[in-house]
Amino acid sequence: MKRTDLIQQLKEFIPFNEQEEKDKQVFLRQLSIDNIFKRENEVGHFTASCWIVNQDYTKVLLAYHNIYQSYAWLGGHCDGDEDCLGVALKEAREESGLENIKVLSQEPISIETLVVNGHEKKGKYIPSHLHFNVTYLFQANDQERLHIKEDENSALAWFDCATFMSEVNEIWMKERIYQKLNGRIIQYFDEKWRGNLR
């Protein structure tokens, strides 16, 4: 997938709420910037995340993120790669050890501008910046063995979709993003179920 494909997907993306409506316009403007997929753009850059549900859609896989000290979704920087879906899939495999991951949607199910506070990483200070994040829906078997990525997370676990919020320490992510993702999942499977009846 190339930048032009992402632009087209975002143009066709139907916002779930006002946050996505505003961010959609921001993302489309940012995509005109040459180095918007690279960390060298210290104001902001594109990242890709994933929401991984289990085989019967009752659980979500979360990693305990070392920097944020909270359970969170999986994902990472594009680092010049314009294929955000490919980046999300690569990050999911690297951060979880899962080998068998099914892509449920080729298009983003969620978009969000995330504020990253300044922090140290590998002995280097990273200034505060923005992540223009696109999120994809994946599926995996909750019985498959998991492996942490020690430089990024210290635990991995499947949590019930209805109760996982208690494991999240980041209030903004909990209230603005993860609740939205739960709503998106319900919407996604409702549309898929209705489509199967046609």
Protein backbone atom coordinates (compact mmCIF):
# COMPACT_ATOMS: atom_id res chain seq x y z
CA MET A 1 0.00 0.00 0.00
CA LYS A 2 1.27 3.46 -0.89
CA ARG A 3 0.56 6.94 0.43
CA THR A 4 -1.99 7.45 -2.34
CA ASP A 5 -3.90 4.37 -1.15
CA LEU A 6 -4.02 5.70 2.42
CA ILE A 7 -5.21 9.07 1.17
CA GLN A 8 -8.04 7.38 -0.73
CA GLN A 9 -8.95 5.23 2.27
CA LEU A 10 -9.07 8.29 4.51
CA LYS A 11 -11.22 10.19 2.01
CA GLU A 12 -13.69 7.28 2.12
CA PHE A 13 -13.36 6.80 5.90
CA ILE A 14 -16.64 7.40 7.74
CA PRO A 15 -15.89 9.04 11.11
CA PHE A 16 -17.28 7.36 14.21
CA ASN A 17 -17.47 10.62 16.17
CA GLU A 18 -16.43 14.28 16.14
CA GLN A 19 -12.86 13.41 17.13
CA GLU A 20 -12.43 11.29 14.00
CA GLU A 21 -14.18 13.87 11.85
CA LYS A 22 -11.64 16.51 12.93
CA ASP A 23 -8.65 14.16 12.75
CA LYS A 24 -9.61 12.98 9.26
CA GLN A 25 -9.07 16.51 7.94
CA VAL A 26 -5.82 16.85 9.90
CA PHE A 27 -4.50 13.55 8.52
CA LEU A 28 -5.29 14.46 4.92
CA ARG A 29 -3.41 17.76 5.29
CA GLN A 30 -0.43 16.04 6.95
CA LEU A 31 -0.13 13.55 4.11
CA SER A 32 1.08 16.34 1.82
CA ILE A 33 4.29 16.59 3.90
CA ASP A 34 7.22 14.62 2.44
CA ASN A 35 8.67 13.18 5.67
CA ILE A 36 5.40 12.67 7.52
CA PHE A 37 6.08 8.91 7.81
CA LYS A 38 9.50 9.44 9.43
CA ARG A 39 10.51 10.13 13.03
CA GLU A 40 12.85 12.85 11.77
CA ASN A 41 9.70 14.98 11.58
CA GLU A 42 9.80 15.88 15.26
CA VAL A 43 6.51 17.79 15.20
CA GLY A 44 4.55 14.68 14.26
CA HIS A 45 4.55 11.55 12.12
CA PHE A 46 2.35 8.62 11.15
CA THR A 47 2.09 5.50 13.29
CA ALA A 48 -0.01 2.35 12.99
CA SER A 49 -1.75 0.35 15.72
CA CYS A 50 -3.95 -2.70 15.90
CA TRP A 51 -6.86 -3.94 17.97
CA ILE A 52 -6.50 -7.71 18.23
CA VAL A 53 -9.57 -9.74 19.16
CA ASN A 54 -9.64 -13.46 19.87
CA GLN A 55 -11.32 -16.22 17.87
CA ASP A 56 -14.80 -15.67 19.34
CA TYR A 57 -14.50 -11.87 19.60
CA THR A 58 -14.84 -11.83 23.41
CA LYS A 59 -11.28 -10.80 24.33
CA VAL A 60 -8.71 -8.21 23.30
CA LEU A 61 -4.92 -8.59 23.47
CA LEU A 62 -3.06 -5.86 25.36
CA ALA A 63 0.61 -5.30 26.18
CA TYR A 64 1.94 -3.63 29.32
CA HIS A 65 3.83 -0.70 27.82
CA ASN A 66 7.10 0.13 29.59
CA ILE A 67 7.05 3.87 28.86
CA TYR A 68 3.40 4.52 29.69
CA GLN A 69 3.18 2.00 32.55
CA SER A 70 -0.20 0.82 31.35
CA TYR A 71 -1.80 -1.94 29.34
CA ALA A 72 -2.27 -0.69 25.80
CA TRP A 73 -2.82 -1.72 22.20
CA LEU A 74 0.05 -2.88 19.99
CA GLY A 75 1.64 -0.78 17.27
CA GLY A 76 4.49 1.48 16.33
CA HIS A 77 6.20 3.97 14.04
CA CYS A 78 6.01 3.74 10.28
CA ASP A 79 9.68 4.76 9.96
CA GLY A 80 9.32 5.70 6.31
CA ASP A 81 7.03 2.81 5.37
CA GLU A 82 3.82 4.17 3.82
CA ASP A 83 2.04 0.80 4.15
CA CYS A 84 0.33 1.43 7.50
CA LEU A 85 -1.48 -1.92 7.45
CA GLY A 86 1.82 -3.71 6.89
CA VAL A 87 3.42 -1.72 9.71
CA ALA A 88 0.59 -2.61 12.12
CA LEU A 89 0.90 -6.30 11.22
CA LYS A 90 4.69 -6.27 11.63
CA GLU A 91 4.44 -4.53 15.00
CA ALA A 92 1.76 -6.95 16.18
CA ARG A 93 3.99 -9.92 15.41
CA GLU A 94 7.11 -8.35 16.93
CA GLU A 95 5.40 -7.18 20.12
CA SER A 96 3.34 -10.32 20.78
CA GLY A 97 5.22 -13.24 19.24
CA LEU A 98 2.00 -14.27 17.48
CA GLU A 99 2.60 -15.96 14.14
CA ASN A 100 -0.99 -16.46 13.03
CA ILE A 101 -2.74 -13.11 12.78
CA LYS A 102 -5.78 -12.59 10.59
CA VAL A 103 -6.48 -9.16 9.12
CA LEU A 104 -10.20 -8.53 9.56
CA SER A 105 -10.28 -5.21 7.73
CA GLN A 106 -7.95 -3.86 5.06
CA GLU A 107 -9.05 -0.31 5.91
CA PRO A 108 -8.51 1.56 9.19
CA ILE A 109 -11.26 1.06 11.77
CA SER A 110 -10.09 4.04 13.80
CA ILE A 111 -7.96 7.17 13.44
CA GLU A 112 -6.65 9.43 16.19
CA THR A 113 -4.10 12.16 16.81
CA LEU A 114 -2.12 11.14 19.90
CA VAL A 115 -0.01 13.47 22.02
CA VAL A 116 3.31 11.95 23.08
CA ASN A 117 4.97 13.67 26.03
CA GLY A 118 8.73 14.16 26.00
CA HIS A 119 10.60 11.15 27.38
CA GLU A 120 13.90 9.29 27.39
CA LYS A 121 14.33 6.25 25.18
CA LYS A 122 17.57 4.28 25.00
CA GLY A 123 19.37 7.12 26.76
CA LYS A 124 18.16 9.77 24.31
CA TYR A 125 15.60 12.50 24.96
CA ILE A 126 12.60 12.41 22.64
CA PRO A 127 10.77 15.77 22.52
CA SER A 128 6.98 15.99 22.79
CA HIS A 129 5.28 15.39 19.45
CA LEU A 130 2.16 14.05 17.73
CA HIS A 131 1.34 10.61 16.37
CA PHE A 132 -1.08 10.56 13.46
CA ASN A 133 -2.28 7.05 14.19
CA VAL A 134 -4.32 4.65 12.07
CA THR A 135 -5.71 1.51 13.69
CA TYR A 136 -6.59 -1.83 12.09
CA LEU A 137 -8.68 -4.76 13.32
CA PHE A 138 -6.89 -8.12 13.63
CA GLN A 139 -7.81 -11.53 15.02
CA ALA A 140 -5.71 -14.24 16.70
CA ASN A 141 -6.19 -17.40 18.72
CA ASP A 142 -5.98 -16.70 22.45
CA GLN A 143 -4.38 -20.13 22.97
CA GLU A 144 -1.34 -19.32 20.85
CA ARG A 145 1.83 -18.72 22.83
CA LEU A 146 2.80 -15.10 23.49
CA HIS A 147 6.29 -13.57 23.77
CA ILE A 148 6.99 -10.12 25.17
CA LYS A 149 9.28 -7.64 23.42
CA GLU A 150 11.43 -6.69 26.39
CA ASP A 151 12.55 -3.29 25.15
CA GLU A 152 8.91 -2.19 24.76
CA ASN A 153 6.59 -4.23 26.96
CA SER A 154 6.83 -6.32 30.10
CA ALA A 155 3.60 -8.34 29.89
CA LEU A 156 0.99 -9.54 27.41
CA ALA A 157 -2.51 -10.75 28.25
CA TRP A 158 -5.94 -11.35 26.81
CA PHE A 159 -8.66 -9.37 28.58
CA ASP A 160 -12.43 -9.57 28.40
CA CYS A 161 -13.70 -6.89 26.00
CA ALA A 162 -16.28 -5.78 28.55
CA THR A 163 -13.94 -5.34 31.51
CA PHE A 164 -10.40 -4.60 30.22
CA MET A 165 -10.69 -0.87 30.96
CA SER A 166 -9.73 -1.47 34.59
CA GLU A 167 -6.25 -2.50 33.36
CA VAL A 168 -5.66 0.81 31.54
CA ASN A 169 -3.96 3.62 33.49
CA GLU A 170 -4.07 6.24 30.72
CA ILE A 171 -7.34 8.09 31.29
CA TRP A 172 -7.45 9.84 27.91
CA MET A 173 -6.78 6.61 26.01
CA LYS A 174 -9.39 4.81 28.06
CA GLU A 175 -12.13 7.40 27.63
CA ARG A 176 -11.39 8.64 24.11
CA ILE A 177 -9.85 5.74 22.22
CA TYR A 178 -10.51 2.34 23.76
CA GLN A 179 -14.21 3.01 24.39
CA LYS A 180 -14.47 4.12 20.78
CA LEU A 181 -12.75 0.93 19.61
CA ASN A 182 -15.25 -1.18 21.50
CA GLY A 183 -18.00 0.73 19.72
CA ARG A 184 -16.26 0.25 16.39
CA ILE A 185 -16.07 -3.52 16.94
CA ILE A 186 -19.80 -3.70 17.66
CA GLN A 187 -20.46 -1.62 14.53
CA TYR A 188 -18.09 -3.72 12.40
CA PHE A 189 -19.62 -7.05 13.32
CA ASP A 190 -23.16 -5.70 13.16
CA GLU A 191 -22.56 -4.52 9.60
CA LYS A 192 -20.86 -7.80 8.69
CA TRP A 193 -23.75 -9.80 10.22
CA ARG A 194 -26.34 -7.75 8.31
CA GLY A 195 -24.29 -8.11 5.13
CA ASN A 196 -24.34 -11.90 5.46
CA LEU A 197 -28.12 -11.83 5.54
CA ARG A 198 -28.39 -10.15 2.13
